[in-house]
Amino acid sequence: MEKPVIALIVPCYDEEAILPLTNSVLLSKLEDLEKRGKIGEGSLIVYVDDRSNDSTWNIIRKLSSRQVRGLRLSRHSGHQCALIAGMEYVVDKCDACITIDADLQDDPDSLSEMVEAFLEGGEIVYGVRKGRATDGWIKRITAAAFYKTMRGLGADCIGNHADYRLLTRRAVEDLLEYEERNLFLRGIVPQLGYEQRQIYYDRLERKAGKSKYPFRRMAEFAIDGITSFTVRPVRMLFWLGVLFMLTALGIGIYVLVRHFSGATIEGWTSLILSIWFCTGILLMGLGVVGEYIGKIYIEVKHRPRFRIDEKV
């Protein structure tokens, strides 16, 4: 068997502080794997600049070489679209690709384990964190809640796995057939099937720069993930409505019994509370349904997910 060609896909957004170090580390990992005979000479790194506001693209242009390529999107399209853009570029240039963030928090030393799992027959290899010691307590709680919610709603989602993974060319070709605009790769990739494996690593501290995922963006990402893969929230609203109807029936019976027994009913407080509570439930339900309608609206227009502005 010929030595496989591996492509590293690195999405970048405002990464000027860390990018030179990232390039040095990843190149050394590729060279080490090549010297050990694990990968072929044509292996490469592809940086996808998601229209950064700093000098990230200029740095990528300076780093470009036989082994280092660069794509610049025409507008800020998001992390998931940047990954897809990189996959479209490398699908006919490699035997497998590995997606890894530019911040070096996904341990580059575990690249060799991913390649070993691939050589042993794995077509999809997930990088899974051993723990979340490097995260704050709020992020630990919300992350655990998110993965439990996704699994509870029926989505096949790998716990403590982000977007650090290896995909063979065949898996990438199948993934590119998914044309939805509301991308949530953590949910789509497990649906591909094939031989799937996991390797475990300790997430490292960020060497430079700052996180691009504050709480607001993480919440939006979680909502996209849930609404992209299950209609159970809408179904839950139906059963919530049934519960409220039964509750209203019980309250009606209680009121009639109190009325015919001659007891005085003081209803102002309970009435106001019930109005506010039911209004809140209705607005929440409308919001959930509206989220799905909004997703349909975006999908049916079938606009391009991204455009490539420049390649180096």
C-alpha atoms as a PDB file:
ATOM      1  CA  MET A   1       0.000   0.000   0.000  1.00  0.00           C
ATOM      2  CA  GLU A   2       1.289   3.443  -0.909  1.00  0.00           C
ATOM      3  CA  LYS A   3       1.860   5.879   1.899  1.00  0.00           C
ATOM      4  CA  PRO A   4      -1.308   7.972   2.312  1.00  0.00           C
ATOM      5  CA  VAL A   5      -1.382  11.689   1.632  1.00  0.00           C
ATOM      6  CA  ILE A   6      -2.820  13.626   4.571  1.00  0.00           C
ATOM      7  CA  ALA A   7      -4.216  17.164   4.448  1.00  0.00           C
ATOM      8  CA  LEU A   8      -4.583  19.276   7.586  1.00  0.00           C
ATOM      9  CA  ILE A   9      -7.468  21.753   7.331  1.00  0.00           C
ATOM     10  CA  VAL A  10      -7.083  24.711   9.691  1.00  0.00           C
ATOM     11  CA  PRO A  11      -9.943  27.270   9.867  1.00  0.00           C
ATOM     12  CA  CYS A  12      -8.688  30.724  10.886  1.00  0.00           C
ATOM     13  CA  TYR A  13     -10.422  33.844  12.138  1.00  0.00           C
ATOM     14  CA  ASP A  14      -8.303  36.652  13.620  1.00  0.00           C
ATOM     15  CA  GLU A  15      -5.425  34.301  14.436  1.00  0.00           C
ATOM     16  CA  GLU A  16      -2.449  36.580  13.666  1.00  0.00           C
ATOM     17  CA  ALA A  17      -1.009  36.144  17.178  1.00  0.00           C
ATOM     18  CA  ILE A  18      -0.827  32.340  17.033  1.00  0.00           C
ATOM     19  CA  LEU A  19      -0.569  31.474  13.325  1.00  0.00           C
ATOM     20  CA  PRO A  20       3.269  31.479  12.887  1.00  0.00           C
ATOM     21  CA  LEU A  21       3.614  29.134  15.877  1.00  0.00           C
ATOM     22  CA  THR A  22       0.745  26.957  14.615  1.00  0.00           C
ATOM     23  CA  ASN A  23       2.388  26.606  11.215  1.00  0.00           C
ATOM     24  CA  SER A  24       5.752  25.687  12.739  1.00  0.00           C
ATOM     25  CA  VAL A  25       4.201  23.037  15.015  1.00  0.00           C
ATOM     26  CA  LEU A  26       1.987  21.462  12.337  1.00  0.00           C
ATOM     27  CA  LEU A  27       4.781  21.369   9.742  1.00  0.00           C
ATOM     28  CA  SER A  28       7.066  19.621  12.221  1.00  0.00           C
ATOM     29  CA  LYS A  29       4.340  17.037  12.917  1.00  0.00           C
ATOM     30  CA  LEU A  30       3.886  16.342   9.209  1.00  0.00           C
ATOM     31  CA  GLU A  31       7.648  16.041   8.701  1.00  0.00           C
ATOM     32  CA  ASP A  32       7.920  13.651  11.652  1.00  0.00           C
ATOM     33  CA  LEU A  33       5.109  11.442  10.309  1.00  0.00           C
ATOM     34  CA  GLU A  34       6.710  11.483   6.871  1.00  0.00           C
ATOM     35  CA  LYS A  35      10.145  10.495   8.228  1.00  0.00           C
ATOM     36  CA  ARG A  36       8.553   7.623  10.146  1.00  0.00           C
ATOM     37  CA  GLY A  37       6.952   6.386   6.935  1.00  0.00           C
ATOM     38  CA  LYS A  38       3.379   6.920   8.094  1.00  0.00           C
ATOM     39  CA  ILE A  39       2.324   9.447   5.431  1.00  0.00           C
ATOM     40  CA  GLY A  40       3.339  10.339   1.886  1.00  0.00           C
ATOM     41  CA  GLU A  41       5.398  13.249   0.593  1.00  0.00           C
ATOM     42  CA  GLY A  42       2.436  15.172  -0.835  1.00  0.00           C
ATOM     43  CA  SER A  43       0.861  15.813   2.577  1.00  0.00           C
ATOM     44  CA  LEU A  44      -0.099  19.432   3.108  1.00  0.00           C
ATOM     45  CA  ILE A  45      -1.647  22.076   5.347  1.00  0.00           C
ATOM     46  CA  VAL A  46      -4.564  24.202   4.150  1.00  0.00           C
ATOM     47  CA  TYR A  47      -5.432  27.361   6.091  1.00  0.00           C
ATOM     48  CA  VAL A  48      -8.933  28.702   5.467  1.00  0.00           C
ATOM     49  CA  ASP A  49      -9.227  32.371   6.389  1.00  0.00           C
ATOM     50  CA  ASP A  50     -12.822  33.142   7.335  1.00  0.00           C
ATOM     51  CA  ARG A  51     -12.382  36.774   6.273  1.00  0.00           C
ATOM     52  CA  SER A  52     -10.391  37.838   9.337  1.00  0.00           C
ATOM     53  CA  ASN A  53     -10.253  41.462  10.465  1.00  0.00           C
ATOM     54  CA  ASP A  54      -6.526  41.361  11.260  1.00  0.00           C
ATOM     55  CA  SER A  55      -3.444  40.365   9.250  1.00  0.00           C
ATOM     56  CA  THR A  56      -4.194  36.622   9.281  1.00  0.00           C
ATOM     57  CA  TRP A  57      -4.439  36.412   5.488  1.00  0.00           C
ATOM     58  CA  ASN A  58      -1.186  38.289   4.943  1.00  0.00           C
ATOM     59  CA  ILE A  59       0.555  35.836   7.265  1.00  0.00           C
ATOM     60  CA  ILE A  60      -0.940  32.874   5.381  1.00  0.00           C
ATOM     61  CA  ARG A  61       0.330  34.318   2.106  1.00  0.00           C
ATOM     62  CA  LYS A  62       3.840  34.627   3.564  1.00  0.00           C
ATOM     63  CA  LEU A  63       3.714  31.069   4.926  1.00  0.00           C
ATOM     64  CA  SER A  64       2.492  29.550   1.656  1.00  0.00           C
ATOM     65  CA  SER A  65       4.779  26.949   0.094  1.00  0.00           C
ATOM     66  CA  ARG A  66       4.632  23.533  -1.539  1.00  0.00           C
ATOM     67  CA  GLN A  67       3.237  22.117   1.686  1.00  0.00           C
ATOM     68  CA  VAL A  68       1.215  25.125   2.826  1.00  0.00           C
ATOM     69  CA  ARG A  69      -1.852  26.383   0.959  1.00  0.00           C
ATOM     70  CA  GLY A  70      -4.326  29.117   1.774  1.00  0.00           C
ATOM     71  CA  LEU A  71      -7.974  29.894   0.973  1.00  0.00           C
ATOM     72  CA  ARG A  72      -9.663  33.182   1.765  1.00  0.00           C
ATOM     73  CA  LEU A  73     -13.454  33.348   1.893  1.00  0.00           C
ATOM     74  CA  SER A  74     -15.130  36.373   0.326  1.00  0.00           C
ATOM     75  CA  ARG A  75     -17.039  37.104   3.560  1.00  0.00           C
ATOM     76  CA  HIS A  76     -17.206  35.866   7.129  1.00  0.00           C
ATOM     77  CA  SER A  77     -19.191  32.632   6.711  1.00  0.00           C
ATOM     78  CA  GLY A  78     -18.550  30.843  10.002  1.00  0.00           C
ATOM     79  CA  HIS A  79     -16.337  28.070  11.332  1.00  0.00           C
ATOM     80  CA  GLN A  80     -18.383  25.211   9.850  1.00  0.00           C
ATOM     81  CA  CYS A  81     -18.408  26.712   6.347  1.00  0.00           C
ATOM     82  CA  ALA A  82     -14.658  27.271   6.569  1.00  0.00           C
ATOM     83  CA  LEU A  83     -14.207  23.561   7.289  1.00  0.00           C
ATOM     84  CA  ILE A  84     -16.386  22.584   4.321  1.00  0.00           C
ATOM     85  CA  ALA A  85     -14.459  24.985   2.059  1.00  0.00           C
ATOM     86  CA  GLY A  86     -11.219  23.298   3.078  1.00  0.00           C
ATOM     87  CA  MET A  87     -12.662  19.831   2.459  1.00  0.00           C
ATOM     88  CA  GLU A  88     -13.884  20.791  -1.006  1.00  0.00           C
ATOM     89  CA  TYR A  89     -10.380  22.011  -1.820  1.00  0.00           C
ATOM     90  CA  VAL A  90      -8.497  18.902  -0.613  1.00  0.00           C
ATOM     91  CA  VAL A  91     -10.950  16.101  -1.465  1.00  0.00           C
ATOM     92  CA  ASP A  92      -9.101  15.215  -4.697  1.00  0.00           C
ATOM     93  CA  LYS A  93      -5.637  15.960  -3.304  1.00  0.00           C
ATOM     94  CA  CYS A  94      -5.418  13.557  -0.343  1.00  0.00           C
ATOM     95  CA  ASP A  95      -6.359  10.138   0.986  1.00  0.00           C
ATOM     96  CA  ALA A  96      -7.610  11.589   4.288  1.00  0.00           C
ATOM     97  CA  CYS A  97      -7.959  14.997   5.894  1.00  0.00           C
ATOM     98  CA  ILE A  98      -7.735  16.125   9.506  1.00  0.00           C
ATOM     99  CA  THR A  99      -9.550  19.237  10.710  1.00  0.00           C
ATOM    100  CA  ILE A 100      -7.889  21.072  13.595  1.00  0.00           C
ATOM    101  CA  ASP A 101      -8.306  24.580  15.014  1.00  0.00           C
ATOM    102  CA  ALA A 102      -5.499  27.123  14.744  1.00  0.00           C
ATOM    103  CA  ASP A 103      -5.247  27.799  18.488  1.00  0.00           C
ATOM    104  CA  LEU A 104      -3.257  24.570  19.195  1.00  0.00           C
ATOM    105  CA  GLN A 105      -5.605  23.619  22.034  1.00  0.00           C
ATOM    106  CA  ASP A 106      -6.382  20.361  20.225  1.00  0.00           C
ATOM    107  CA  ASP A 107      -3.134  18.565  21.038  1.00  0.00           C
ATOM    108  CA  PRO A 108      -1.070  18.274  17.802  1.00  0.00           C
ATOM    109  CA  ASP A 109       0.852  15.362  19.341  1.00  0.00           C
ATOM    110  CA  SER A 110      -2.287  13.230  18.966  1.00  0.00           C
ATOM    111  CA  LEU A 111      -2.145  13.607  15.172  1.00  0.00           C
ATOM    112  CA  SER A 112       0.065  10.507  15.055  1.00  0.00           C
ATOM    113  CA  GLU A 113      -2.599   8.512  16.949  1.00  0.00           C
ATOM    114  CA  MET A 114      -5.224   9.641  14.444  1.00  0.00           C
ATOM    115  CA  VAL A 115      -3.057   8.562  11.530  1.00  0.00           C
ATOM    116  CA  GLU A 116      -2.379   5.191  13.216  1.00  0.00           C
ATOM    117  CA  ALA A 117      -6.139   4.650  13.695  1.00  0.00           C
ATOM    118  CA  PHE A 118      -6.642   5.502  10.013  1.00  0.00           C
ATOM    119  CA  LEU A 119      -3.912   3.069   8.900  1.00  0.00           C
ATOM    120  CA  GLU A 120      -5.578   0.379  10.996  1.00  0.00           C
ATOM    121  CA  GLY A 121      -8.845   0.793   9.092  1.00  0.00           C
ATOM    122  CA  GLY A 122     -10.660   3.724  10.705  1.00  0.00           C
ATOM    123  CA  GLU A 123     -12.444   5.887   8.135  1.00  0.00           C
ATOM    124  CA  ILE A 124     -13.627   8.454  10.661  1.00  0.00           C
ATOM    125  CA  VAL A 125     -11.464   9.119  13.709  1.00  0.00           C
ATOM    126  CA  TYR A 126     -12.742  11.485  16.419  1.00  0.00           C
ATOM    127  CA  GLY A 127     -10.494  13.434  18.730  1.00  0.00           C
ATOM    128  CA  VAL A 128     -12.231  13.288  22.109  1.00  0.00           C
ATOM    129  CA  ARG A 129     -11.190  15.307  25.148  1.00  0.00           C
ATOM    130  CA  LYS A 130     -10.322  13.323  28.262  1.00  0.00           C
ATOM    131  CA  GLY A 131     -11.762  16.028  30.494  1.00  0.00           C
ATOM    132  CA  ARG A 132     -12.593  19.725  30.780  1.00  0.00           C
ATOM    133  CA  ALA A 133     -10.142  20.831  33.464  1.00  0.00           C
ATOM    134  CA  THR A 134      -9.012  23.774  31.325  1.00  0.00           C
ATOM    135  CA  ASP A 135     -12.566  25.151  31.030  1.00  0.00           C
ATOM    136  CA  GLY A 136     -14.353  27.432  33.466  1.00  0.00           C
ATOM    137  CA  TRP A 137     -17.152  25.957  35.569  1.00  0.00           C
ATOM    138  CA  ILE A 138     -19.865  27.642  33.491  1.00  0.00           C
ATOM    139  CA  LYS A 139     -18.526  26.150  30.262  1.00  0.00           C
ATOM    140  CA  ARG A 140     -18.185  22.714  31.859  1.00  0.00           C
ATOM    141  CA  ILE A 141     -21.812  22.765  33.006  1.00  0.00           C
ATOM    142  CA  THR A 142     -23.223  24.128  29.746  1.00  0.00           C
ATOM    143  CA  ALA A 143     -21.160  21.703  27.626  1.00  0.00           C
ATOM    144  CA  ALA A 144     -22.351  18.711  29.641  1.00  0.00           C
ATOM    145  CA  ALA A 145     -25.944  19.945  29.403  1.00  0.00           C
ATOM    146  CA  PHE A 146     -25.626  20.434  25.646  1.00  0.00           C
ATOM    147  CA  TYR A 147     -24.370  16.907  24.905  1.00  0.00           C
ATOM    148  CA  LYS A 148     -26.982  15.351  27.194  1.00  0.00           C
ATOM    149  CA  THR A 149     -29.714  17.403  25.533  1.00  0.00           C
ATOM    150  CA  MET A 150     -28.577  16.417  22.035  1.00  0.00           C
ATOM    151  CA  ARG A 151     -28.543  12.738  22.918  1.00  0.00           C
ATOM    152  CA  GLY A 152     -31.870  13.057  24.738  1.00  0.00           C
ATOM    153  CA  LEU A 153     -33.429  14.605  21.629  1.00  0.00           C
ATOM    154  CA  GLY A 154     -32.203  11.727  19.483  1.00  0.00           C
ATOM    155  CA  ALA A 155     -29.160  13.271  17.768  1.00  0.00           C
ATOM    156  CA  ASP A 156     -26.107  11.027  17.411  1.00  0.00           C
ATOM    157  CA  CYS A 157     -23.442  13.253  18.949  1.00  0.00           C
ATOM    158  CA  ILE A 158     -20.018  12.289  20.339  1.00  0.00           C
ATOM    159  CA  GLY A 159     -19.518  13.660  23.843  1.00  0.00           C
ATOM    160  CA  ASN A 160     -16.582  16.049  24.417  1.00  0.00           C
ATOM    161  CA  HIS A 161     -15.796  16.063  20.701  1.00  0.00           C
ATOM    162  CA  ALA A 162     -15.624  19.327  18.781  1.00  0.00           C
ATOM    163  CA  ASP A 163     -14.255  19.464  15.223  1.00  0.00           C
ATOM    164  CA  TYR A 164     -10.926  17.692  15.682  1.00  0.00           C
ATOM    165  CA  ARG A 165     -11.334  14.638  13.462  1.00  0.00           C
ATOM    166  CA  LEU A 166      -9.944  12.610  10.578  1.00  0.00           C
ATOM    167  CA  LEU A 167     -12.053  11.743   7.532  1.00  0.00           C
ATOM    168  CA  THR A 168     -11.037   9.534   4.624  1.00  0.00           C
ATOM    169  CA  ARG A 169     -11.573  10.753   1.069  1.00  0.00           C
ATOM    170  CA  ARG A 170     -14.670   8.561   0.751  1.00  0.00           C
ATOM    171  CA  ALA A 171     -16.146  10.002   3.945  1.00  0.00           C
ATOM    172  CA  VAL A 172     -15.413  13.563   2.765  1.00  0.00           C
ATOM    173  CA  GLU A 173     -17.059  12.893  -0.606  1.00  0.00           C
ATOM    174  CA  ASP A 174     -20.178  11.664   1.184  1.00  0.00           C
ATOM    175  CA  LEU A 175     -20.137  14.584   3.601  1.00  0.00           C
ATOM    176  CA  LEU A 176     -20.017  17.078   0.730  1.00  0.00           C
ATOM    177  CA  GLU A 177     -23.313  15.653  -0.551  1.00  0.00           C
ATOM    178  CA  TYR A 178     -25.013  17.229   2.480  1.00  0.00           C
ATOM    179  CA  GLU A 179     -25.962  20.605   1.057  1.00  0.00           C
ATOM    180  CA  GLU A 180     -27.766  22.175   4.011  1.00  0.00           C
ATOM    181  CA  ARG A 181     -26.943  25.762   4.939  1.00  0.00           C
ATOM    182  CA  ASN A 182     -27.438  25.257   8.685  1.00  0.00           C
ATOM    183  CA  LEU A 183     -24.283  23.235   9.167  1.00  0.00           C
ATOM    184  CA  PHE A 184     -23.628  21.265  12.325  1.00  0.00           C
ATOM    185  CA  LEU A 185     -20.832  18.874  11.436  1.00  0.00           C
ATOM    186  CA  ARG A 186     -20.713  17.271  14.881  1.00  0.00           C
ATOM    187  CA  GLY A 187     -24.147  15.843  14.154  1.00  0.00           C
ATOM    188  CA  ILE A 188     -23.746  15.153  10.421  1.00  0.00           C
ATOM    189  CA  VAL A 189     -20.459  13.221  10.511  1.00  0.00           C
ATOM    190  CA  PRO A 190     -21.715  10.367  12.776  1.00  0.00           C
ATOM    191  CA  GLN A 191     -24.554   9.814  10.278  1.00  0.00           C
ATOM    192  CA  LEU A 192     -22.065   8.868   7.551  1.00  0.00           C
ATOM    193  CA  GLY A 193     -21.442   5.476   9.098  1.00  0.00           C
ATOM    194  CA  TYR A 194     -18.267   3.593   8.084  1.00  0.00           C
ATOM    195  CA  GLU A 195     -15.636   2.404  10.561  1.00  0.00           C
ATOM    196  CA  GLN A 196     -15.530   5.017  13.326  1.00  0.00           C
ATOM    197  CA  ARG A 197     -12.921   5.232  16.061  1.00  0.00           C
ATOM    198  CA  GLN A 198     -11.953   7.584  18.862  1.00  0.00           C
ATOM    199  CA  ILE A 199      -8.645   8.771  20.224  1.00  0.00           C
ATOM    200  CA  TYR A 200      -8.377  10.666  23.508  1.00  0.00           C
ATOM    201  CA  TYR A 201      -6.272  13.706  24.304  1.00  0.00           C
ATOM    202  CA  ASP A 202      -5.822  16.427  26.916  1.00  0.00           C
ATOM    203  CA  ARG A 203      -6.932  19.835  25.692  1.00  0.00           C
ATOM    204  CA  LEU A 204      -4.144  22.378  26.047  1.00  0.00           C
ATOM    205  CA  GLU A 205      -4.131  26.011  27.088  1.00  0.00           C
ATOM    206  CA  ARG A 206      -4.375  28.596  24.330  1.00  0.00           C
ATOM    207  CA  LYS A 207      -0.866  29.815  23.477  1.00  0.00           C
ATOM    208  CA  ALA A 208      -1.915  33.242  22.150  1.00  0.00           C
ATOM    209  CA  GLY A 209      -4.948  35.214  21.023  1.00  0.00           C
ATOM    210  CA  LYS A 210      -8.414  34.867  22.521  1.00  0.00           C
ATOM    211  CA  SER A 211     -11.367  32.537  22.181  1.00  0.00           C
ATOM    212  CA  LYS A 212     -13.739  33.200  19.268  1.00  0.00           C
ATOM    213  CA  TYR A 213     -16.604  31.475  21.077  1.00  0.00           C
ATOM    214  CA  PRO A 214     -18.027  33.629  23.873  1.00  0.00           C
ATOM    215  CA  PHE A 215     -21.155  32.428  25.663  1.00  0.00           C
ATOM    216  CA  ARG A 216     -23.516  34.087  23.152  1.00  0.00           C
ATOM    217  CA  ARG A 217     -21.952  32.341  20.161  1.00  0.00           C
ATOM    218  CA  MET A 218     -21.868  29.002  21.986  1.00  0.00           C
ATOM    219  CA  ALA A 219     -25.585  29.378  22.742  1.00  0.00           C
ATOM    220  CA  GLU A 220     -26.344  30.161  19.082  1.00  0.00           C
ATOM    221  CA  PHE A 221     -24.264  27.177  17.998  1.00  0.00           C
ATOM    222  CA  ALA A 222     -26.143  24.905  20.415  1.00  0.00           C
ATOM    223  CA  ILE A 223     -29.521  26.128  19.099  1.00  0.00           C
ATOM    224  CA  ASP A 224     -28.371  25.500  15.519  1.00  0.00           C
ATOM    225  CA  GLY A 225     -27.294  21.999  16.474  1.00  0.00           C
ATOM    226  CA  ILE A 226     -30.585  21.116  18.146  1.00  0.00           C
ATOM    227  CA  THR A 227     -32.867  22.570  15.469  1.00  0.00           C
ATOM    228  CA  SER A 228     -30.808  21.080  12.622  1.00  0.00           C
ATOM    229  CA  PHE A 229     -31.210  17.482  13.774  1.00  0.00           C
ATOM    230  CA  THR A 230     -34.498  16.928  15.522  1.00  0.00           C
ATOM    231  CA  VAL A 231     -38.115  18.096  15.554  1.00  0.00           C
ATOM    232  CA  ARG A 232     -38.644  16.864  19.091  1.00  0.00           C
ATOM    233  CA  PRO A 233     -38.818  20.391  20.595  1.00  0.00           C
ATOM    234  CA  VAL A 234     -41.931  21.043  18.456  1.00  0.00           C
ATOM    235  CA  ARG A 235     -43.404  17.706  19.515  1.00  0.00           C
ATOM    236  CA  MET A 236     -42.645  18.533  23.136  1.00  0.00           C
ATOM    237  CA  LEU A 237     -44.632  21.765  22.723  1.00  0.00           C
ATOM    238  CA  PHE A 238     -47.649  19.725  21.608  1.00  0.00           C
ATOM    239  CA  TRP A 239     -47.503  17.549  24.709  1.00  0.00           C
ATOM    240  CA  LEU A 240     -46.944  20.635  26.849  1.00  0.00           C
ATOM    241  CA  GLY A 241     -50.148  22.020  25.369  1.00  0.00           C
ATOM    242  CA  VAL A 242     -51.958  18.797  26.266  1.00  0.00           C
ATOM    243  CA  LEU A 243     -50.639  19.061  29.822  1.00  0.00           C
ATOM    244  CA  PHE A 244     -51.907  22.641  30.093  1.00  0.00           C
ATOM    245  CA  MET A 245     -55.346  21.618  28.800  1.00  0.00           C
ATOM    246  CA  LEU A 246     -55.575  18.880  31.431  1.00  0.00           C
ATOM    247  CA  THR A 247     -54.397  21.319  34.096  1.00  0.00           C
ATOM    248  CA  ALA A 248     -57.027  23.854  32.998  1.00  0.00           C
ATOM    249  CA  LEU A 249     -59.692  21.128  33.146  1.00  0.00           C
ATOM    250  CA  GLY A 250     -58.619  20.233  36.681  1.00  0.00           C
ATOM    251  CA  ILE A 251     -58.702  23.891  37.766  1.00  0.00           C
ATOM    252  CA  GLY A 252     -62.176  24.269  36.207  1.00  0.00           C
ATOM    253  CA  ILE A 253     -63.497  21.302  38.192  1.00  0.00           C
ATOM    254  CA  TYR A 254     -61.900  22.690  41.363  1.00  0.00           C
ATOM    255  CA  VAL A 255     -63.521  26.126  40.795  1.00  0.00           C
ATOM    256  CA  LEU A 256     -66.961  24.588  40.249  1.00  0.00           C
ATOM    257  CA  VAL A 257     -66.678  22.500  43.396  1.00  0.00           C
ATOM    258  CA  ARG A 258     -65.643  25.571  45.403  1.00  0.00           C
ATOM    259  CA  HIS A 259     -68.491  27.601  43.878  1.00  0.00           C
ATOM    260  CA  PHE A 260     -71.269  25.123  44.698  1.00  0.00           C
ATOM    261  CA  SER A 261     -69.907  24.559  48.189  1.00  0.00           C
ATOM    262  CA  GLY A 262     -70.385  28.282  48.876  1.00  0.00           C
ATOM    263  CA  ALA A 263     -66.692  29.059  49.420  1.00  0.00           C
ATOM    264  CA  THR A 264     -65.349  32.430  48.325  1.00  0.00           C
ATOM    265  CA  ILE A 265     -62.826  32.280  45.495  1.00  0.00           C
ATOM    266  CA  GLU A 266     -60.128  34.920  45.628  1.00  0.00           C
ATOM    267  CA  GLY A 267     -58.764  34.679  42.122  1.00  0.00           C
ATOM    268  CA  TRP A 268     -56.854  37.848  41.338  1.00  0.00           C
ATOM    269  CA  THR A 269     -53.346  36.574  42.196  1.00  0.00           C
ATOM    270  CA  SER A 270     -53.807  33.156  40.604  1.00  0.00           C
ATOM    271  CA  LEU A 271     -55.345  34.759  37.521  1.00  0.00           C
ATOM    272  CA  ILE A 272     -52.454  37.159  36.971  1.00  0.00           C
ATOM    273  CA  LEU A 273     -49.863  34.445  37.580  1.00  0.00           C
ATOM    274  CA  SER A 274     -51.570  32.067  35.183  1.00  0.00           C
ATOM    275  CA  ILE A 275     -51.818  34.756  32.484  1.00  0.00           C
ATOM    276  CA  TRP A 276     -48.114  35.578  32.716  1.00  0.00           C
ATOM    277  CA  PHE A 277     -47.128  31.909  32.875  1.00  0.00           C
ATOM    278  CA  CYS A 278     -49.282  30.827  29.932  1.00  0.00           C
ATOM    279  CA  THR A 279     -48.182  33.837  27.878  1.00  0.00           C
ATOM    280  CA  GLY A 280     -44.566  32.917  28.517  1.00  0.00           C
ATOM    281  CA  ILE A 281     -45.206  29.336  27.383  1.00  0.00           C
ATOM    282  CA  LEU A 282     -46.970  30.546  24.238  1.00  0.00           C
ATOM    283  CA  LEU A 283     -44.161  32.935  23.352  1.00  0.00           C
ATOM    284  CA  MET A 284     -41.594  30.208  23.956  1.00  0.00           C
ATOM    285  CA  GLY A 285     -43.557  27.864  21.704  1.00  0.00           C
ATOM    286  CA  LEU A 286     -43.802  30.475  18.978  1.00  0.00           C
ATOM    287  CA  GLY A 287     -40.058  31.046  19.273  1.00  0.00           C
ATOM    288  CA  VAL A 288     -39.285  27.325  18.830  1.00  0.00           C
ATOM    289  CA  VAL A 289     -41.621  26.993  15.848  1.00  0.00           C
ATOM    290  CA  GLY A 290     -40.237  30.249  14.406  1.00  0.00           C
ATOM    291  CA  GLU A 291     -36.697  28.870  14.685  1.00  0.00           C
ATOM    292  CA  TYR A 292     -37.657  25.913  12.507  1.00  0.00           C
ATOM    293  CA  ILE A 293     -39.517  28.106  10.010  1.00  0.00           C
ATOM    294  CA  GLY A 294     -36.457  30.362   9.811  1.00  0.00           C
ATOM    295  CA  LYS A 295     -34.265  27.337   9.066  1.00  0.00           C
ATOM    296  CA  ILE A 296     -36.663  26.271   6.296  1.00  0.00           C
ATOM    297  CA  TYR A 297     -36.599  29.797   4.881  1.00  0.00           C
ATOM    298  CA  ILE A 298     -32.803  29.762   4.699  1.00  0.00           C
ATOM    299  CA  GLU A 299     -32.638  26.270   3.181  1.00  0.00           C
ATOM    300  CA  VAL A 300     -35.221  26.736   0.421  1.00  0.00           C
ATOM    301  CA  LYS A 301     -33.413  29.784  -0.975  1.00  0.00           C
ATOM    302  CA  HIS A 302     -30.440  27.479  -1.647  1.00  0.00           C
ATOM    303  CA  ARG A 303     -27.874  30.252  -1.615  1.00  0.00           C
ATOM    304  CA  PRO A 304     -24.152  29.382  -1.699  1.00  0.00           C
ATOM    305  CA  ARG A 305     -22.724  28.632   1.737  1.00  0.00           C
ATOM    306  CA  PHE A 306     -19.499  30.493   0.951  1.00  0.00           C
ATOM    307  CA  ARG A 307     -17.402  31.863  -1.880  1.00  0.00           C
ATOM    308  CA  ILE A 308     -13.635  31.677  -2.315  1.00  0.00           C
ATOM    309  CA  ASP A 309     -12.053  35.092  -2.802  1.00  0.00           C
ATOM    310  CA  GLU A 310      -8.400  34.073  -3.183  1.00  0.00           C
ATOM    311  CA  LYS A 311      -6.137  31.035  -3.156  1.00  0.00           C
ATOM    312  CA  VAL A 312      -2.399  30.806  -2.528  1.00  0.00           C
END
